[in-house]
Structures are given as C-alpha cells and as structure tokens.
Amino acid sequence: MVLSTRLVNGIRTDYDDSDIGYGDSPVVARANTKQWQARVKGLLKAQLKLKNLSYADLADRLEAIGVSENRRNISNKIGRGAFTAVFFFQCMEAIGCRTIHLGEE
C-alpha cells in the first residue's frame, strides 16, 4: 500500500509503510528497523543458546518438521536479523520454544 508519493527533481518516489514509519523520516525508520532486527535476532539466538543448539542442530530440527534449510542459510538469515515471521515461528517450533518474553513486566 502506497502511503505517499514524492516528486523530487522530476523523479517520482513511492513510500510504503514497510520503508518508513508514520511521521518518521526514512533515516529514522531504517534505524528503527535495524533495532527491531537486532532484537528478533537476539531472541532467536538466546533460545538456541538456552537449548545448547548449533545452526546445524537447528537445520536438522527444521528438517524434522518439514522445513528445508541448510546451516549456511540459517546462519546468513540469523546473522542479518532479516527473516520472516514464518521462519521465526518455524525455528521456535523446531527448538521447542513455546513462550517468548518480550520485556520486563
């Protein structure tokens, strides 16, 4: 969904809600995205560490639930912190994590 269109120097640029936050500049939105990516990456890595699992172990467990991912792909995805919610939930299912704590209560 296009939220806004800008015309600068004769070039039309469309911005959607995946690129910018409401009222945020693209620079602020990118910084926020990186913070969220770091947070979700940390959550997944912490769960792997708690279960004492390697990326190879995760690949094997994903394969057991019908998800084909190799160790290298898993390493790249988690390293970037940019993966889908589907991948995140598949990983949580594969490692047996049923509860995720997002912050202090």
PDB file of N, CA and C in Angstrom:
ATOM      1  N   MET A   1       0.838  -1.164   0.000  1.00  0.00           N
ATOM      2  CA  MET A   1       0.000   0.000   0.000  1.00  0.00           C
ATOM      3  C   MET A   1       0.888   1.234   0.000  1.00  0.00           C
ATOM      4  N   VAL A   2       0.696   2.140  -0.941  1.00  0.00           N
ATOM      5  CA  VAL A   2       1.476   3.365  -1.028  1.00  0.00           C
ATOM      6  C   VAL A   2       0.900   4.390  -0.065  1.00  0.00           C
ATOM      7  N   LEU A   3       1.766   4.903   0.831  1.00  0.00           N
ATOM      8  CA  LEU A   3       1.326   5.910   1.785  1.00  0.00           C
ATOM      9  C   LEU A   3       1.512   7.315   1.238  1.00  0.00           C
ATOM     10  N   SER A   4       2.594   7.509   0.496  1.00  0.00           N
ATOM     11  CA  SER A   4       2.813   8.831  -0.070  1.00  0.00           C
ATOM     12  C   SER A   4       3.672   8.718  -1.317  1.00  0.00           C
ATOM     13  N   THR A   5       3.529   9.698  -2.179  1.00  0.00           N
ATOM     14  CA  THR A   5       4.338   9.793  -3.387  1.00  0.00           C
ATOM     15  C   THR A   5       5.000  11.155  -3.383  1.00  0.00           C
ATOM     16  N   ARG A   6       6.294  11.167  -3.653  1.00  0.00           N
ATOM     17  CA  ARG A   6       7.022  12.420  -3.680  1.00  0.00           C
ATOM     18  C   ARG A   6       7.652  12.606  -5.046  1.00  0.00           C
ATOM     19  N   LEU A   7       7.636  13.822  -5.522  1.00  0.00           N
ATOM     20  CA  LEU A   7       8.251  14.166  -6.792  1.00  0.00           C
ATOM     21  C   LEU A   7       9.400  15.117  -6.495  1.00  0.00           C
ATOM     22  N   VAL A   8      10.625  14.658  -6.717  1.00  0.00           N
ATOM     23  CA  VAL A   8      11.815  15.467  -6.486  1.00  0.00           C
ATOM     24  C   VAL A   8      12.669  15.410  -7.738  1.00  0.00           C
ATOM     25  N   ASN A   9      13.012  16.571  -8.249  1.00  0.00           N
ATOM     26  CA  ASN A   9      13.833  16.657  -9.472  1.00  0.00           C
ATOM     27  C   ASN A   9      13.266  15.816 -10.606  1.00  0.00           C
ATOM     28  N   GLY A  10      11.964  15.805 -10.717  1.00  0.00           N
ATOM     29  CA  GLY A  10      11.313  15.087 -11.800  1.00  0.00           C
ATOM     30  C   GLY A  10      11.234  13.582 -11.608  1.00  0.00           C
ATOM     31  N   ILE A  11      11.663  13.082 -10.444  1.00  0.00           N
ATOM     32  CA  ILE A  11      11.642  11.647 -10.187  1.00  0.00           C
ATOM     33  C   ILE A  11      10.583  11.349  -9.138  1.00  0.00           C
ATOM     34  N   ARG A  12       9.681  10.439  -9.470  1.00  0.00           N
ATOM     35  CA  ARG A  12       8.610  10.059  -8.557  1.00  0.00           C
ATOM     36  C   ARG A  12       9.092   8.912  -7.673  1.00  0.00           C
ATOM     37  N   THR A  13       8.924   9.059  -6.383  1.00  0.00           N
ATOM     38  CA  THR A  13       9.303   8.021  -5.425  1.00  0.00           C
ATOM     39  C   THR A  13       8.097   7.690  -4.566  1.00  0.00           C
ATOM     40  N   ASP A  14       7.751   6.414  -4.535  1.00  0.00           N
ATOM     41  CA  ASP A  14       6.652   5.953  -3.702  1.00  0.00           C
ATOM     42  C   ASP A  14       7.214   5.407  -2.398  1.00  0.00           C
ATOM     43  N   TYR A  15       6.584   5.755  -1.302  1.00  0.00           N
ATOM     44  CA  TYR A  15       6.970   5.248   0.010  1.00  0.00           C
ATOM     45  C   TYR A  15       5.807   4.459   0.562  1.00  0.00           C
ATOM     46  N   ASP A  16       6.108   3.236   1.020  1.00  0.00           N
ATOM     47  CA  ASP A  16       5.051   2.458   1.644  1.00  0.00           C
ATOM     48  C   ASP A  16       5.379   2.250   3.114  1.00  0.00           C
ATOM     49  N   ASP A  17       4.454   1.635   3.841  1.00  0.00           N
ATOM     50  CA  ASP A  17       4.627   1.509   5.280  1.00  0.00           C
ATOM     51  C   ASP A  17       5.732   0.543   5.691  1.00  0.00           C
ATOM     52  N   SER A  18       6.316  -0.193   4.755  1.00  0.00           N
ATOM     53  CA  SER A  18       7.447  -1.046   5.112  1.00  0.00           C
ATOM     54  C   SER A  18       8.763  -0.275   5.085  1.00  0.00           C
ATOM     55  N   ASP A  19       8.779   0.880   4.452  1.00  0.00           N
ATOM     56  CA  ASP A  19      10.002   1.669   4.360  1.00  0.00           C
ATOM     57  C   ASP A  19      10.092   2.767   5.407  1.00  0.00           C
ATOM     58  N   ILE A  20       8.972   3.356   5.752  1.00  0.00           N
ATOM     59  CA  ILE A  20       9.013   4.464   6.708  1.00  0.00           C
ATOM     60  C   ILE A  20       7.937   4.286   7.755  1.00  0.00           C
ATOM     61  N   GLY A  21       8.208   4.796   8.928  1.00  0.00           N
ATOM     62  CA  GLY A  21       7.204   4.786   9.986  1.00  0.00           C
ATOM     63  C   GLY A  21       6.291   5.971   9.796  1.00  0.00           C
ATOM     64  N   TYR A  22       5.171   5.959  10.442  1.00  0.00           N
ATOM     65  CA  TYR A  22       4.240   7.059  10.327  1.00  0.00           C
ATOM     66  C   TYR A  22       4.872   8.303  10.920  1.00  0.00           C
ATOM     67  N   GLY A  23       5.142   9.282  10.093  1.00  0.00           N
ATOM     68  CA  GLY A  23       5.736  10.536  10.529  1.00  0.00           C
ATOM     69  C   GLY A  23       7.243  10.490  10.664  1.00  0.00           C
ATOM     70  N   ASP A  24       7.864   9.325  10.518  1.00  0.00           N
ATOM     71  CA  ASP A  24       9.315   9.219  10.616  1.00  0.00           C
ATOM     72  C   ASP A  24       9.968   9.499   9.272  1.00  0.00           C
ATOM     73  N   SER A  25      11.187  10.020   9.337  1.00  0.00           N
ATOM     74  CA  SER A  25      11.966  10.156   8.117  1.00  0.00           C
ATOM     75  C   SER A  25      12.477   8.772   7.735  1.00  0.00           C
ATOM     76  N   PRO A  26      12.851   8.556   6.468  1.00  0.00           N
ATOM     77  CA  PRO A  26      13.401   7.255   6.080  1.00  0.00           C
ATOM     78  C   PRO A  26      14.646   6.879   6.886  1.00  0.00           C
ATOM     79  N   VAL A  27      15.454   7.847   7.279  1.00  0.00           N
ATOM     80  CA  VAL A  27      16.659   7.565   8.060  1.00  0.00           C
ATOM     81  C   VAL A  27      16.281   7.031   9.438  1.00  0.00           C
ATOM     82  N   VAL A  28      15.323   7.667  10.089  1.00  0.00           N
ATOM     83  CA  VAL A  28      14.859   7.217  11.402  1.00  0.00           C
ATOM     84  C   VAL A  28      14.226   5.835  11.279  1.00  0.00           C
ATOM     85  N   ALA A  29      13.435   5.628  10.247  1.00  0.00           N
ATOM     86  CA  ALA A  29      12.769   4.343  10.052  1.00  0.00           C
ATOM     87  C   ALA A  29      13.781   3.223   9.855  1.00  0.00           C
ATOM     88  N   ARG A  30      14.856   3.473   9.085  1.00  0.00           N
ATOM     89  CA  ARG A  30      15.889   2.459   8.892  1.00  0.00           C
ATOM     90  C   ARG A  30      16.573   2.125  10.215  1.00  0.00           C
ATOM     91  N   ALA A  31      16.841   3.126  11.028  1.00  0.00           N
ATOM     92  CA  ALA A  31      17.455   2.897  12.339  1.00  0.00           C
ATOM     93  C   ALA A  31      16.521   2.061  13.209  1.00  0.00           C
ATOM     94  N   ASN A  32      15.228   2.381  13.182  1.00  0.00           N
ATOM     95  CA  ASN A  32      14.249   1.604  13.952  1.00  0.00           C
ATOM     96  C   ASN A  32      14.183   0.164  13.456  1.00  0.00           C
ATOM     97  N   THR A  33      14.224  -0.020  12.147  1.00  0.00           N
ATOM     98  CA  THR A  33      14.194  -1.361  11.572  1.00  0.00           C
ATOM     99  C   THR A  33      15.402  -2.151  12.031  1.00  0.00           C
ATOM    100  N   LYS A  34      16.567  -1.545  12.017  1.00  0.00           N
ATOM    101  CA  LYS A  34      17.780  -2.235  12.466  1.00  0.00           C
ATOM    102  C   LYS A  34      17.686  -2.617  13.939  1.00  0.00           C
ATOM    103  N   GLN A  35      17.075  -1.766  14.747  1.00  0.00           N
ATOM    104  CA  GLN A  35      16.891  -2.094  16.162  1.00  0.00           C
ATOM    105  C   GLN A  35      15.960  -3.296  16.328  1.00  0.00           C
ATOM    106  N   TRP A  36      14.889  -3.321  15.550  1.00  0.00           N
ATOM    107  CA  TRP A  36      13.960  -4.455  15.620  1.00  0.00           C
ATOM    108  C   TRP A  36      14.625  -5.731  15.118  1.00  0.00           C
ATOM    109  N   GLN A  37      15.416  -5.617  14.041  1.00  0.00           N
ATOM    110  CA  GLN A  37      16.123  -6.784  13.529  1.00  0.00           C
ATOM    111  C   GLN A  37      17.097  -7.322  14.576  1.00  0.00           C
ATOM    112  N   ALA A  38      17.814  -6.433  15.258  1.00  0.00           N
ATOM    113  CA  ALA A  38      18.749  -6.857  16.303  1.00  0.00           C
ATOM    114  C   ALA A  38      17.996  -7.538  17.452  1.00  0.00           C
ATOM    115  N   ARG A  39      16.834  -7.027  17.766  1.00  0.00           N
ATOM    116  CA  ARG A  39      16.044  -7.595  18.866  1.00  0.00           C
ATOM    117  C   ARG A  39      15.554  -9.002  18.542  1.00  0.00           C
ATOM    118  N   VAL A  40      14.995  -9.187  17.353  1.00  0.00           N
ATOM    119  CA  VAL A  40      14.471 -10.511  16.986  1.00  0.00           C
ATOM    120  C   VAL A  40      15.619 -11.503  16.792  1.00  0.00           C
ATOM    121  N   LYS A  41      16.730 -11.034  16.253  1.00  0.00           N
ATOM    122  CA  LYS A  41      17.922 -11.873  16.110  1.00  0.00           C
ATOM    123  C   LYS A  41      18.402 -12.330  17.495  1.00  0.00           C
ATOM    124  N   GLY A  42      18.425 -11.413  18.444  1.00  0.00           N
ATOM    125  CA  GLY A  42      18.841 -11.741  19.803  1.00  0.00           C
ATOM    126  C   GLY A  42      17.921 -12.742  20.470  1.00  0.00           C
ATOM    127  N   LEU A  43      16.604 -12.586  20.237  1.00  0.00           N
ATOM    128  CA  LEU A  43      15.635 -13.536  20.796  1.00  0.00           C
ATOM    129  C   LEU A  43      15.883 -14.951  20.284  1.00  0.00           C
ATOM    130  N   LEU A  44      16.091 -15.078  18.988  1.00  0.00           N
ATOM    131  CA  LEU A  44      16.300 -16.391  18.397  1.00  0.00           C
ATOM    132  C   LEU A  44      17.626 -16.991  18.862  1.00  0.00           C
ATOM    133  N   LYS A  45      18.677 -16.189  18.856  1.00  0.00           N
ATOM    134  CA  LYS A  45      19.990 -16.693  19.286  1.00  0.00           C
ATOM    135  C   LYS A  45      19.968 -17.087  20.766  1.00  0.00           C
ATOM    136  N   ALA A  46      19.255 -16.337  21.585  1.00  0.00           N
ATOM    137  CA  ALA A  46      19.164 -16.665  23.008  1.00  0.00           C
ATOM    138  C   ALA A  46      18.465 -18.003  23.211  1.00  0.00           C
ATOM    139  N   GLN A  47      17.409 -18.253  22.455  1.00  0.00           N
ATOM    140  CA  GLN A  47      16.699 -19.521  22.578  1.00  0.00           C
ATOM    141  C   GLN A  47      17.590 -20.689  22.145  1.00  0.00           C
ATOM    142  N   LEU A  48      18.367 -20.483  21.087  1.00  0.00           N
ATOM    143  CA  LEU A  48      19.290 -21.531  20.648  1.00  0.00           C
ATOM    144  C   LEU A  48      20.338 -21.809  21.723  1.00  0.00           C
ATOM    145  N   LYS A  49      20.843 -20.746  22.315  1.00  0.00           N
ATOM    146  CA  LYS A  49      21.856 -20.906  23.368  1.00  0.00           C
ATOM    147  C   LYS A  49      21.275 -21.603  24.596  1.00  0.00           C
ATOM    148  N   LEU A  50      20.062 -21.225  24.994  1.00  0.00           N
ATOM    149  CA  LEU A  50      19.410 -21.880  26.134  1.00  0.00           C
ATOM    150  C   LEU A  50      19.264 -23.384  25.927  1.00  0.00           C
ATOM    151  N   LYS A  51      18.988 -23.766  24.691  1.00  0.00           N
ATOM    152  CA  LYS A  51      18.804 -25.188  24.371  1.00  0.00           C
ATOM    153  C   LYS A  51      20.120 -25.859  23.974  1.00  0.00           C
ATOM    154  N   ASN A  52      21.221 -25.068  23.964  1.00  0.00           N
ATOM    155  CA  ASN A  52      22.547 -25.562  23.584  1.00  0.00           C
ATOM    156  C   ASN A  52      22.541 -26.172  22.179  1.00  0.00           C
ATOM    157  N   LEU A  53      21.940 -25.438  21.230  1.00  0.00           N
ATOM    158  CA  LEU A  53      21.811 -25.904  19.856  1.00  0.00           C
ATOM    159  C   LEU A  53      22.656 -25.059  18.908  1.00  0.00           C
ATOM    160  N   SER A  54      23.250 -25.714  17.943  1.00  0.00           N
ATOM    161  CA  SER A  54      24.001 -25.029  16.884  1.00  0.00           C
ATOM    162  C   SER A  54      23.070 -24.788  15.695  1.00  0.00           C
ATOM    163  N   TYR A  55      23.564 -24.050  14.706  1.00  0.00           N
ATOM    164  CA  TYR A  55      22.774 -23.849  13.489  1.00  0.00           C
ATOM    165  C   TYR A  55      22.569 -25.176  12.760  1.00  0.00           C
ATOM    166  N   ALA A  56      23.558 -26.068  12.818  1.00  0.00           N
ATOM    167  CA  ALA A  56      23.408 -27.389  12.196  1.00  0.00           C
ATOM    168  C   ALA A  56      22.299 -28.173  12.905  1.00  0.00           C
ATOM    169  N   ASP A  57      22.272 -28.082  14.254  1.00  0.00           N
ATOM    170  CA  ASP A  57      21.198 -28.740  15.002  1.00  0.00           C
ATOM    171  C   ASP A  57      19.833 -28.174  14.613  1.00  0.00           C
ATOM    172  N   LEU A  58      19.775 -26.846  14.472  1.00  0.00           N
ATOM    173  CA  LEU A  58      18.524 -26.204  14.080  1.00  0.00           C
ATOM    174  C   LEU A  58      18.095 -26.678  12.697  1.00  0.00           C
ATOM    175  N   ALA A  59      19.043 -26.787  11.773  1.00  0.00           N
ATOM    176  CA  ALA A  59      18.726 -27.272  10.421  1.00  0.00           C
ATOM    177  C   ALA A  59      18.122 -28.668  10.484  1.00  0.00           C
ATOM    178  N   ASP A  60      18.710 -29.536  11.319  1.00  0.00           N
ATOM    179  CA  ASP A  60      18.181 -30.897  11.467  1.00  0.00           C
ATOM    180  C   ASP A  60      16.768 -30.887  12.049  1.00  0.00           C
ATOM    181  N   ARG A  61      16.565 -30.044  13.049  1.00  0.00           N
ATOM    182  CA  ARG A  61      15.240 -29.978  13.684  1.00  0.00           C
ATOM    183  C   ARG A  61      14.199 -29.366  12.740  1.00  0.00           C
ATOM    184  N   LEU A  62      14.611 -28.380  11.954  1.00  0.00           N
ATOM    185  CA  LEU A  62      13.693 -27.815  10.957  1.00  0.00           C
ATOM    186  C   LEU A  62      13.316 -28.878   9.928  1.00  0.00           C
ATOM    187  N   GLU A  63      14.300 -29.653   9.484  1.00  0.00           N
ATOM    188  CA  GLU A  63      14.048 -30.726   8.518  1.00  0.00           C
ATOM    189  C   GLU A  63      13.027 -31.717   9.080  1.00  0.00           C
ATOM    190  N   ALA A  64      13.109 -31.984  10.374  1.00  0.00           N
ATOM    191  CA  ALA A  64      12.189 -32.930  11.021  1.00  0.00           C
ATOM    192  C   ALA A  64      10.743 -32.449  10.999  1.00  0.00           C
ATOM    193  N   ILE A  65      10.546 -31.121  10.893  1.00  0.00           N
ATOM    194  CA  ILE A  65       9.164 -30.608  10.817  1.00  0.00           C
ATOM    195  C   ILE A  65       8.800 -30.204   9.383  1.00  0.00           C
ATOM    196  N   GLY A  66       9.655 -30.617   8.429  1.00  0.00           N
ATOM    197  CA  GLY A  66       9.334 -30.407   7.016  1.00  0.00           C
ATOM    198  C   GLY A  66       9.809 -29.095   6.426  1.00  0.00           C
ATOM    199  N   VAL A  67      10.766 -28.439   7.081  1.00  0.00           N
ATOM    200  CA  VAL A  67      11.300 -27.166   6.587  1.00  0.00           C
ATOM    201  C   VAL A  67      12.738 -27.401   6.148  1.00  0.00           C
ATOM    202  N   SER A  68      12.993 -27.204   4.861  1.00  0.00           N
ATOM    203  CA  SER A  68      14.322 -27.461   4.316  1.00  0.00           C
ATOM    204  C   SER A  68      15.174 -26.185   4.332  1.00  0.00           C
ATOM    205  N   GLU A  69      16.101 -26.126   5.271  1.00  0.00           N
ATOM    206  CA  GLU A  69      17.058 -25.022   5.388  1.00  0.00           C
ATOM    207  C   GLU A  69      18.408 -25.628   5.744  1.00  0.00           C
ATOM    208  N   ASN A  70      19.479 -25.169   5.089  1.00  0.00           N
ATOM    209  CA  ASN A  70      20.784 -25.682   5.483  1.00  0.00           C
ATOM    210  C   ASN A  70      21.445 -24.744   6.489  1.00  0.00           C
ATOM    211  N   ARG A  71      22.504 -25.220   7.131  1.00  0.00           N
ATOM    212  CA  ARG A  71      23.179 -24.472   8.183  1.00  0.00           C
ATOM    213  C   ARG A  71      23.641 -23.101   7.693  1.00  0.00           C
ATOM    214  N   ARG A  72      24.158 -23.048   6.487  1.00  0.00           N
ATOM    215  CA  ARG A  72      24.664 -21.778   5.942  1.00  0.00           C
ATOM    216  C   ARG A  72      23.545 -20.758   5.752  1.00  0.00           C
ATOM    217  N   ASN A  73      22.421 -21.194   5.203  1.00  0.00           N
ATOM    218  CA  ASN A  73      21.280 -20.287   5.024  1.00  0.00           C
ATOM    219  C   ASN A  73      20.763 -19.777   6.370  1.00  0.00           C
ATOM    220  N   ILE A  74      20.698 -20.683   7.338  1.00  0.00           N
ATOM    221  CA  ILE A  74      20.251 -20.290   8.673  1.00  0.00           C
ATOM    222  C   ILE A  74      21.208 -19.257   9.258  1.00  0.00           C
ATOM    223  N   SER A  75      22.487 -19.518   9.144  1.00  0.00           N
ATOM    224  CA  SER A  75      23.500 -18.584   9.649  1.00  0.00           C
ATOM    225  C   SER A  75      23.360 -17.212   9.004  1.00  0.00           C
ATOM    226  N   ASN A  76      23.171 -17.181   7.699  1.00  0.00           N
ATOM    227  CA  ASN A  76      23.014 -15.913   6.978  1.00  0.00           C
ATOM    228  C   ASN A  76      21.750 -15.172   7.419  1.00  0.00           C
ATOM    229  N   LYS A  77      20.635 -15.884   7.499  1.00  0.00           N
ATOM    230  CA  LYS A  77      19.377 -15.238   7.895  1.00  0.00           C
ATOM    231  C   LYS A  77      19.461 -14.654   9.297  1.00  0.00           C
ATOM    232  N   ILE A  78      19.956 -15.467  10.228  1.00  0.00           N
ATOM    233  CA  ILE A  78      20.030 -15.000  11.609  1.00  0.00           C
ATOM    234  C   ILE A  78      21.074 -13.903  11.743  1.00  0.00           C
ATOM    235  N   GLY A  79      22.177 -14.029  11.028  1.00  0.00           N
ATOM    236  CA  GLY A  79      23.219 -13.003  11.058  1.00  0.00           C
ATOM    237  C   GLY A  79      22.709 -11.639  10.618  1.00  0.00           C
ATOM    238  N   ARG A  80      21.869 -11.629   9.596  1.00  0.00           N
ATOM    239  CA  ARG A  80      21.277 -10.373   9.111  1.00  0.00           C
ATOM    240  C   ARG A  80      20.185  -9.873  10.051  1.00  0.00           C
ATOM    241  N   GLY A  81      19.517 -10.805  10.698  1.00  0.00           N
ATOM    242  CA  GLY A  81      18.381 -10.432  11.525  1.00  0.00           C
ATOM    243  C   GLY A  81      17.163 -10.092  10.683  1.00  0.00           C
ATOM    244  N   ALA A  82      17.249 -10.354   9.401  1.00  0.00           N
ATOM    245  CA  ALA A  82      16.153 -10.038   8.477  1.00  0.00           C
ATOM    246  C   ALA A  82      15.574 -11.346   7.951  1.00  0.00           C
ATOM    247  N   PHE A  83      14.571 -11.842   8.643  1.00  0.00           N
ATOM    248  CA  PHE A  83      13.894 -13.055   8.219  1.00  0.00           C
ATOM    249  C   PHE A  83      12.415 -12.891   8.496  1.00  0.00           C
ATOM    250  N   THR A  84      11.639 -13.753   7.886  1.00  0.00           N
ATOM    251  CA  THR A  84      10.192 -13.636   8.002  1.00  0.00           C
ATOM    252  C   THR A  84       9.715 -14.128   9.365  1.00  0.00           C
ATOM    253  N   ALA A  85       8.532 -13.701   9.713  1.00  0.00           N
ATOM    254  CA  ALA A  85       7.889 -14.199  10.932  1.00  0.00           C
ATOM    255  C   ALA A  85       7.659 -15.698  10.813  1.00  0.00           C
ATOM    256  N   VAL A  86       7.376 -16.168   9.620  1.00  0.00           N
ATOM    257  CA  VAL A  86       7.173 -17.602   9.402  1.00  0.00           C
ATOM    258  C   VAL A  86       8.440 -18.367   9.782  1.00  0.00           C
ATOM    259  N   PHE A  87       9.597 -17.900   9.313  1.00  0.00           N
ATOM    260  CA  PHE A  87      10.861 -18.555   9.650  1.00  0.00           C
ATOM    261  C   PHE A  87      11.087 -18.529  11.159  1.00  0.00           C
ATOM    262  N   PHE A  88      10.823 -17.392  11.787  1.00  0.00           N
ATOM    263  CA  PHE A  88      10.998 -17.264  13.227  1.00  0.00           C
ATOM    264  C   PHE A  88      10.146 -18.297  13.969  1.00  0.00           C
ATOM    265  N   PHE A  89       8.866 -18.407  13.600  1.00  0.00           N
ATOM    266  CA  PHE A  89       7.980 -19.356  14.268  1.00  0.00           C
ATOM    267  C   PHE A  89       8.348 -20.802  13.954  1.00  0.00           C
ATOM    268  N   GLN A  90       8.830 -21.061  12.745  1.00  0.00           N
ATOM    269  CA  GLN A  90       9.302 -22.409  12.418  1.00  0.00           C
ATOM    270  C   GLN A  90      10.477 -22.785  13.324  1.00  0.00           C
ATOM    271  N   CYS A  91      11.392 -21.840  13.514  1.00  0.00           N
ATOM    272  CA  CYS A  91      12.544 -22.085  14.393  1.00  0.00           C
ATOM    273  C   CYS A  91      12.088 -22.324  15.827  1.00  0.00           C
ATOM    274  N   MET A  92      11.168 -21.499  16.308  1.00  0.00           N
ATOM    275  CA  MET A  92      10.677 -21.664  17.673  1.00  0.00           C
ATOM    276  C   MET A  92      10.021 -23.032  17.850  1.00  0.00           C
ATOM    277  N   GLU A  93       9.243 -23.445  16.867  1.00  0.00           N
ATOM    278  CA  GLU A  93       8.608 -24.764  16.905  1.00  0.00           C
ATOM    279  C   GLU A  93       9.673 -25.859  16.901  1.00  0.00           C
ATOM    280  N   ALA A  94      10.657 -25.731  16.026  1.00  0.00           N
ATOM    281  CA  ALA A  94      11.694 -26.757  15.891  1.00  0.00           C
ATOM    282  C   ALA A  94      12.523 -26.931  17.156  1.00  0.00           C
ATOM    283  N   ILE A  95      12.765 -25.848  17.883  1.00  0.00           N
ATOM    284  CA  ILE A  95      13.595 -25.965  19.089  1.00  0.00           C
ATOM    285  C   ILE A  95      12.757 -26.176  20.349  1.00  0.00           C
ATOM    286  N   GLY A  96      11.439 -26.194  20.187  1.00  0.00           N
ATOM    287  CA  GLY A  96      10.559 -26.493  21.311  1.00  0.00           C
ATOM    288  C   GLY A  96      10.282 -25.310  22.213  1.00  0.00           C
ATOM    289  N   CYS A  97      10.404 -24.124  21.694  1.00  0.00           N
ATOM    290  CA  CYS A  97      10.127 -22.917  22.476  1.00  0.00           C
ATOM    291  C   CYS A  97       8.649 -22.563  22.330  1.00  0.00           C
ATOM    292  N   ARG A  98       7.936 -22.545  23.439  1.00  0.00           N
ATOM    293  CA  ARG A  98       6.508 -22.252  23.414  1.00  0.00           C
ATOM    294  C   ARG A  98       6.171 -20.868  23.962  1.00  0.00           C
ATOM    295  N   THR A  99       7.137 -20.239  24.649  1.00  0.00           N
ATOM    296  CA  THR A  99       6.899 -18.937  25.263  1.00  0.00           C
ATOM    297  C   THR A  99       8.062 -18.002  24.951  1.00  0.00           C
ATOM    298  N   ILE A 100       7.731 -16.777  24.574  1.00  0.00           N
ATOM    299  CA  ILE A 100       8.755 -15.771  24.301  1.00  0.00           C
ATOM    300  C   ILE A 100       8.445 -14.565  25.173  1.00  0.00           C
ATOM    301  N   HIS A 101       9.412 -14.134  25.954  1.00  0.00           N
ATOM    302  CA  HIS A 101       9.255 -12.951  26.785  1.00  0.00           C
ATOM    303  C   HIS A 101       9.863 -11.760  26.067  1.00  0.00           C
ATOM    304  N   LEU A 102       9.041 -10.758  25.783  1.00  0.00           N
ATOM    305  CA  LEU A 102       9.486  -9.610  25.018  1.00  0.00           C
ATOM    306  C   LEU A 102      10.040  -8.486  25.876  1.00  0.00           C
ATOM    307  N   GLY A 103       9.842  -8.540  27.158  1.00  0.00           N
ATOM    308  CA  GLY A 103      10.361  -7.484  28.022  1.00  0.00           C
ATOM    309  C   GLY A 103       9.998  -7.725  29.454  1.00  0.00           C
ATOM    310  N   GLU A 104      10.456  -6.815  30.287  1.00  0.00           N
ATOM    311  CA  GLU A 104      10.164  -6.902  31.708  1.00  0.00           C
ATOM    312  C   GLU A 104       8.709  -6.546  31.965  1.00  0.00           C
ATOM    313  N   GLU A 105       8.096  -7.234  32.909  1.00  0.00           N
ATOM    314  CA  GLU A 105       6.710  -6.923  33.276  1.00  0.00           C
ATOM    315  C   GLU A 105       6.658  -6.378  34.671  1.00  0.00           C
TER     316      GLU A 105
END
